[in-house]
Amino acid sequence: MSLRLTNTLTRKIEEFHPLVANKASIYCCGVTVYDLCHLGHARSYIVWDILRRFLIWEGYEVTFVQNFTDIDDKILNRASEDGCTMNEISEKNIKEFHHDMDSLGILRPDRMPRATKCLHEICSLIKVIESKGAAYSIDGDVYFSVKKHSNYGKLSKRDLEAQQLNAGGRIEEHEEAKKKDSFDFALWKKAKKGEPSFSSPWGKGRPGWHIECSAMVRKELGETIDIHLGGADLMFPHHENEIAQSEIANGKELAKYWLHNGMVNVSGRKMSKSLGNFRTIRSLLGSGISAMTLRLFVL
């Protein structure tokens, strides 16, 4: 019996045919490590754990890569609140992540790259995008020119006007005035006073959120992969922007199959830390619920 997947890119149920026979390359968007994981994270990683286990059971040689976002405004804010460094917050929550995923019986990814450990690859990818005429720098910031990608919106099925609802992913309002077009998003952000920063061809700063995953996919798995995974909330703008910048740089498709899990909802709203309507995995297991019960509930 062939495996059939609901491909978000085509909105169709398709048979799985890998790029290389009997192998499967998979990239899964990971967590931003500033706090404990909640039930929404559990849903995502349990679902993809089942997919991975099924492929292994079917005899595929699976390479499963999942990243950590370890440089982000949320991490910096938490570090400021706790009076410690960004690295200390990241290291602490990476350990907690492994503890929670191990408790749920989720297989550890084969590789777990971190954004701060892939800065050379990130800068190299931005330079390629610049050379293709799809990126521009202004006073230490670098932006991707969305209109340079003719198929922008093919994953989310949104047009450019709809992008204004969430234009930059994690871009700040004051940056809007610097961009050539309101649709453009940050590839590299100029360092702010007092924040951790890294050297780059454009000066001290840090990478934008979207370019991190494109660089880690290319470093760990190559220019085109079989399956790209993530929550439905990442479809736009994160995954849409990943596609645009990767396809401009590489001149080829980023992933054959795009799969998205649904959200855990509380009273009709997505469970999230920002809304404060979440239950951590730690608290659920600590209340006496077994890991297998939680897995079965989620599935």
Protein backbone atom coordinates (compact mmCIF):
# COMPACT_ATOMS: atom_id res chain seq x y z
CA MET A 1 0.00 0.00 0.00
CA SER A 2 1.48 3.36 -1.01
CA LEU A 3 1.79 6.23 1.45
CA ARG A 4 -0.40 9.20 0.56
CA LEU A 5 0.22 12.69 1.91
CA THR A 6 -1.86 15.86 1.91
CA ASN A 7 0.48 18.28 0.17
CA THR A 8 -0.25 21.87 1.21
CA LEU A 9 1.59 23.12 -1.88
CA THR A 10 -0.87 21.51 -4.30
CA ARG A 11 -3.87 21.12 -1.96
CA LYS A 12 -4.04 17.50 -3.13
CA ILE A 13 -3.57 14.05 -1.63
CA GLU A 14 -0.52 12.63 -3.39
CA GLU A 15 1.42 9.39 -3.33
CA PHE A 16 4.84 9.74 -1.75
CA HIS A 17 7.65 9.34 -4.27
CA PRO A 18 11.01 10.37 -2.79
CA LEU A 19 13.79 12.10 -4.70
CA VAL A 20 16.04 9.09 -4.11
CA ALA A 21 14.54 5.59 -3.97
CA ASN A 22 14.13 4.19 -0.45
CA LYS A 23 15.35 7.41 1.19
CA ALA A 24 13.43 10.28 2.76
CA SER A 25 14.89 13.71 3.61
CA ILE A 26 12.74 15.62 6.09
CA TYR A 27 13.08 19.07 7.67
CA CYS A 28 10.85 20.10 10.55
CA CYS A 29 10.65 23.65 11.89
CA GLY A 30 11.63 23.57 15.54
CA VAL A 31 10.97 25.71 18.59
CA THR A 32 12.20 29.12 19.66
CA VAL A 33 13.91 28.20 22.90
CA TYR A 34 12.74 30.79 25.40
CA ASP A 35 10.31 28.73 27.54
CA LEU A 36 8.89 25.26 28.22
CA CYS A 37 6.91 23.50 25.48
CA HIS A 38 3.13 23.23 25.72
CA LEU A 39 0.44 20.88 24.40
CA GLY A 40 0.46 22.63 21.01
CA HIS A 41 4.12 21.70 20.56
CA ALA A 42 3.33 18.16 21.68
CA ARG A 43 0.67 17.85 19.00
CA SER A 44 3.07 18.90 16.25
CA TYR A 45 6.00 16.70 17.23
CA ILE A 46 3.86 13.65 18.05
CA VAL A 47 2.23 13.84 14.61
CA TRP A 48 5.58 14.06 12.82
CA ASP A 49 7.04 11.34 15.04
CA ILE A 50 4.33 9.00 13.76
CA LEU A 51 5.08 9.92 10.14
CA ARG A 52 8.79 9.33 10.68
CA ARG A 53 8.24 6.01 12.45
CA PHE A 54 5.94 4.83 9.66
CA LEU A 55 8.52 5.65 6.99
CA ILE A 56 11.19 3.78 8.95
CA TRP A 57 8.81 0.83 9.38
CA GLU A 58 8.21 0.88 5.61
CA GLY A 59 11.94 0.46 5.07
CA TYR A 60 12.95 4.03 4.17
CA GLU A 61 16.33 5.41 5.19
CA VAL A 62 15.05 8.57 6.88
CA THR A 63 17.14 11.66 7.62
CA PHE A 64 15.15 13.86 9.98
CA VAL A 65 16.45 17.36 10.71
CA GLN A 66 14.81 19.76 13.16
CA ASN A 67 16.22 23.15 14.09
CA PHE A 68 16.42 25.31 17.18
CA THR A 69 15.83 29.06 16.85
CA ASP A 70 18.27 30.31 19.48
CA ILE A 71 18.43 33.99 18.57
CA ASP A 72 15.17 35.93 18.66
CA ASP A 73 13.49 38.91 20.31
CA LYS A 74 11.57 36.60 22.65
CA ILE A 75 14.80 35.01 23.87
CA LEU A 76 16.44 38.40 24.34
CA ASN A 77 13.41 39.68 26.28
CA ARG A 78 13.42 36.62 28.54
CA ALA A 79 17.15 36.98 29.16
CA SER A 80 16.60 40.61 30.15
CA GLU A 81 13.76 39.64 32.51
CA ASP A 82 15.82 36.87 34.13
CA GLY A 83 19.05 38.87 34.30
CA CYS A 84 21.10 36.37 32.30
CA THR A 85 22.52 35.91 28.81
CA MET A 86 20.74 34.86 25.63
CA ASN A 87 22.92 31.75 25.52
CA GLU A 88 21.97 30.74 29.07
CA ILE A 89 18.25 30.96 28.22
CA SER A 90 18.74 28.96 25.04
CA GLU A 91 20.85 26.23 26.65
CA LYS A 92 18.42 25.83 29.52
CA ASN A 93 15.38 25.48 27.27
CA ILE A 94 17.11 23.17 24.79
CA LYS A 95 17.72 20.78 27.69
CA GLU A 96 14.10 21.16 28.80
CA PHE A 97 12.90 20.50 25.24
CA HIS A 98 14.81 17.22 25.09
CA HIS A 99 13.44 16.23 28.49
CA ASP A 100 9.83 16.82 27.38
CA MET A 101 10.18 15.12 23.98
CA ASP A 102 11.95 12.12 25.54
CA SER A 103 9.13 11.90 28.11
CA LEU A 104 6.60 11.66 25.25
CA GLY A 105 8.54 8.90 23.50
CA ILE A 106 9.40 11.09 20.50
CA LEU A 107 12.47 9.98 18.58
CA ARG A 108 15.24 12.55 18.66
CA PRO A 109 16.00 14.09 15.26
CA ASP A 110 19.10 12.89 13.48
CA ARG A 111 20.48 16.42 13.53
CA MET A 112 19.35 19.57 15.36
CA PRO A 113 21.16 22.63 13.96
CA ARG A 114 21.01 25.97 15.75
CA ALA A 115 20.74 29.33 14.06
CA THR A 116 23.75 30.72 15.95
CA LYS A 117 25.89 27.80 14.74
CA CYS A 118 24.98 28.35 11.07
CA LEU A 119 25.89 32.01 10.70
CA HIS A 120 28.44 31.38 7.95
CA GLU A 121 25.84 29.48 5.92
CA ILE A 122 23.23 32.17 6.58
CA CYS A 123 25.51 34.98 5.42
CA SER A 124 26.60 32.96 2.38
CA LEU A 125 22.98 32.37 1.38
CA ILE A 126 22.14 36.06 1.74
CA LYS A 127 25.13 36.91 -0.48
CA VAL A 128 23.81 34.52 -3.15
CA ILE A 129 20.37 36.14 -2.97
CA GLU A 130 22.03 39.55 -3.30
CA SER A 131 23.94 38.36 -6.37
CA LYS A 132 20.63 37.32 -7.94
CA GLY A 133 19.31 40.86 -7.48
CA ALA A 134 16.65 39.83 -4.97
CA ALA A 135 18.11 41.42 -1.82
CA TYR A 136 19.29 44.90 -0.90
CA SER A 137 21.03 46.44 2.09
CA ILE A 138 20.22 49.72 3.82
CA ASP A 139 22.33 50.99 6.71
CA GLY A 140 23.28 47.53 7.97
CA ASP A 141 19.90 45.86 7.37
CA VAL A 142 19.33 43.47 4.45
CA TYR A 143 15.88 42.86 2.96
CA PHE A 144 14.47 40.31 0.52
CA SER A 145 12.64 41.85 -2.42
CA VAL A 146 9.45 39.80 -2.53
CA LYS A 147 8.40 40.93 -5.99
CA LYS A 148 11.55 39.32 -7.43
CA HIS A 149 9.96 35.92 -6.83
CA SER A 150 7.33 35.46 -9.50
CA ASN A 151 5.53 32.63 -7.70
CA TYR A 152 5.35 34.26 -4.28
CA GLY A 153 2.20 33.06 -2.52
CA LYS A 154 2.07 29.62 -4.14
CA LEU A 155 2.07 27.80 -0.79
CA SER A 156 -0.40 29.89 1.18
CA LYS A 157 -2.42 30.90 -1.92
CA ARG A 158 -2.30 34.53 -0.74
CA ASP A 159 -1.58 37.47 -2.98
CA LEU A 160 0.84 40.26 -2.12
CA GLU A 161 -1.90 42.46 -0.66
CA ALA A 162 -2.70 39.76 1.87
CA GLN A 163 0.92 39.70 2.95
CA GLN A 164 0.50 43.09 4.57
CA LEU A 165 -1.47 41.37 7.34
CA ASN A 166 1.80 39.87 8.61
CA ALA A 167 4.46 41.34 6.40
CA GLY A 168 7.72 40.64 8.13
CA GLY A 169 7.09 37.63 10.30
CA ARG A 170 9.05 39.13 13.21
CA ILE A 171 9.98 42.51 11.77
CA GLU A 172 9.54 45.64 13.86
CA GLU A 173 7.37 48.55 12.78
CA HIS A 174 10.19 51.11 12.70
CA GLU A 175 11.90 49.03 10.01
CA GLU A 176 9.00 49.49 7.60
CA ALA A 177 10.18 52.96 6.62
CA LYS A 178 13.58 51.62 5.54
CA LYS A 179 12.25 49.07 3.05
CA LYS A 180 11.82 49.72 -0.66
CA ASP A 181 8.51 47.90 -0.60
CA SER A 182 6.22 47.17 2.33
CA PHE A 183 6.08 43.50 1.30
CA ASP A 184 9.84 42.95 1.76
CA PHE A 185 11.17 41.12 4.82
CA ALA A 186 14.42 41.12 6.77
CA LEU A 187 17.27 38.74 5.97
CA TRP A 188 19.75 40.45 8.29
CA LYS A 189 19.03 42.92 11.10
CA LYS A 190 21.46 45.60 12.19
CA ALA A 191 22.61 45.30 15.80
CA LYS A 192 20.83 47.35 18.44
CA LYS A 193 22.72 48.86 21.32
CA GLY A 194 23.29 46.36 24.12
CA GLU A 195 22.05 43.31 22.16
CA PRO A 196 24.16 40.27 21.25
CA SER A 197 25.37 40.56 17.67
CA PHE A 198 27.45 38.75 15.09
CA SER A 199 29.82 39.89 12.37
CA SER A 200 28.64 39.92 8.77
CA PRO A 201 29.48 41.55 5.41
CA TRP A 202 26.87 44.21 6.31
CA GLY A 203 28.19 44.92 9.79
CA LYS A 204 27.25 43.67 13.24
CA GLY A 205 23.77 42.22 13.57
CA ARG A 206 21.76 39.00 13.55
CA PRO A 207 19.82 36.97 10.99
CA GLY A 208 16.14 37.34 10.23
CA TRP A 209 13.89 34.48 11.26
CA HIS A 210 13.06 33.14 7.79
CA ILE A 211 16.58 32.93 6.35
CA GLU A 212 17.70 30.73 9.25
CA CYS A 213 15.62 27.75 8.13
CA SER A 214 16.52 28.13 4.45
CA ALA A 215 20.22 28.07 5.36
CA MET A 216 19.88 25.10 7.70
CA VAL A 217 17.89 23.09 5.15
CA ARG A 218 20.55 23.69 2.53
CA LYS A 219 23.42 22.91 4.89
CA GLU A 220 21.96 19.72 6.35
CA LEU A 221 19.93 18.22 3.48
CA GLY A 222 20.71 20.03 0.23
CA GLU A 223 18.89 22.38 -2.11
CA THR A 224 15.77 20.23 -2.57
CA ILE A 225 14.28 17.91 0.05
CA ASP A 226 11.44 15.43 0.12
CA ILE A 227 9.27 16.74 2.98
CA HIS A 228 9.09 20.03 4.87
CA LEU A 229 7.05 19.97 8.09
CA GLY A 230 5.57 22.54 10.43
CA GLY A 231 2.49 23.89 12.15
CA ALA A 232 -0.26 25.47 10.06
CA ASP A 233 0.56 28.81 11.69
CA LEU A 234 3.97 28.75 9.95
CA MET A 235 2.55 28.42 6.45
CA PHE A 236 2.45 32.19 6.11
CA PRO A 237 4.66 34.09 6.22
CA HIS A 238 7.48 31.80 7.41
CA HIS A 239 7.24 28.94 4.95
CA GLU A 240 6.19 31.20 2.11
CA ASN A 241 9.30 33.29 2.69
CA GLU A 242 11.49 30.19 2.98
CA ILE A 243 10.32 29.09 -0.45
CA ALA A 244 10.90 32.48 -2.03
CA GLN A 245 14.43 33.02 -0.79
CA SER A 246 15.55 29.39 -1.27
CA GLU A 247 14.19 29.13 -4.80
CA ILE A 248 15.76 32.45 -5.80
CA ALA A 249 19.13 31.32 -4.40
CA ASN A 250 19.10 27.71 -5.61
CA GLY A 251 17.08 27.97 -8.80
CA LYS A 252 15.09 24.88 -7.87
CA GLU A 253 12.20 23.65 -5.75
CA LEU A 254 12.80 23.71 -1.98
CA ALA A 255 10.59 20.74 -1.06
CA LYS A 256 8.39 18.27 -2.96
CA TYR A 257 5.86 17.87 -0.15
CA TRP A 258 4.77 20.46 2.40
CA LEU A 259 2.86 19.07 5.40
CA HIS A 260 1.21 21.15 8.14
CA ASN A 261 -0.38 20.03 11.39
CA GLY A 262 -3.43 21.76 12.81
CA MET A 263 -3.52 23.74 16.04
CA VAL A 264 -4.64 22.81 19.53
CA ASN A 265 -7.49 25.21 20.25
CA VAL A 266 -8.76 26.51 23.59
CA SER A 267 -12.23 28.07 23.44
CA GLY A 268 -11.82 28.60 19.71
CA ARG A 269 -8.37 30.23 19.92
CA LYS A 270 -4.98 28.72 19.16
CA MET A 271 -3.09 27.57 22.23
CA SER A 272 -0.05 29.81 22.48
CA LYS A 273 2.29 31.37 25.00
CA SER A 274 1.48 34.85 23.75
CA LEU A 275 -2.21 34.35 24.61
CA GLY A 276 -1.43 32.70 27.94
CA ASN A 277 -3.94 29.90 27.31
CA PHE A 278 -1.48 27.02 27.35
CA ARG A 279 -0.69 23.95 29.44
CA THR A 280 2.91 22.83 29.44
CA ILE A 281 3.82 19.24 28.66
CA ARG A 282 5.59 19.16 32.03
CA SER A 283 2.44 20.11 33.96
CA LEU A 284 0.25 17.64 32.05
CA LEU A 285 2.57 14.68 32.69
CA GLY A 286 3.09 15.85 36.26
CA SER A 287 -0.65 15.79 36.91
CA GLY A 288 -0.70 12.01 36.47
CA ILE A 289 -1.51 11.76 32.75
CA SER A 290 0.70 9.11 31.15
CA ALA A 291 2.78 9.89 28.08
CA MET A 292 0.97 7.24 26.03
CA THR A 293 -2.42 8.67 27.02
CA LEU A 294 -1.27 12.09 25.84
CA ARG A 295 0.02 10.65 22.54
CA LEU A 296 -3.27 8.84 21.91
CA PHE A 297 -5.30 11.94 22.85
CA VAL A 298 -3.33 14.07 20.40
CA LEU A 299 -3.58 11.51 17.59
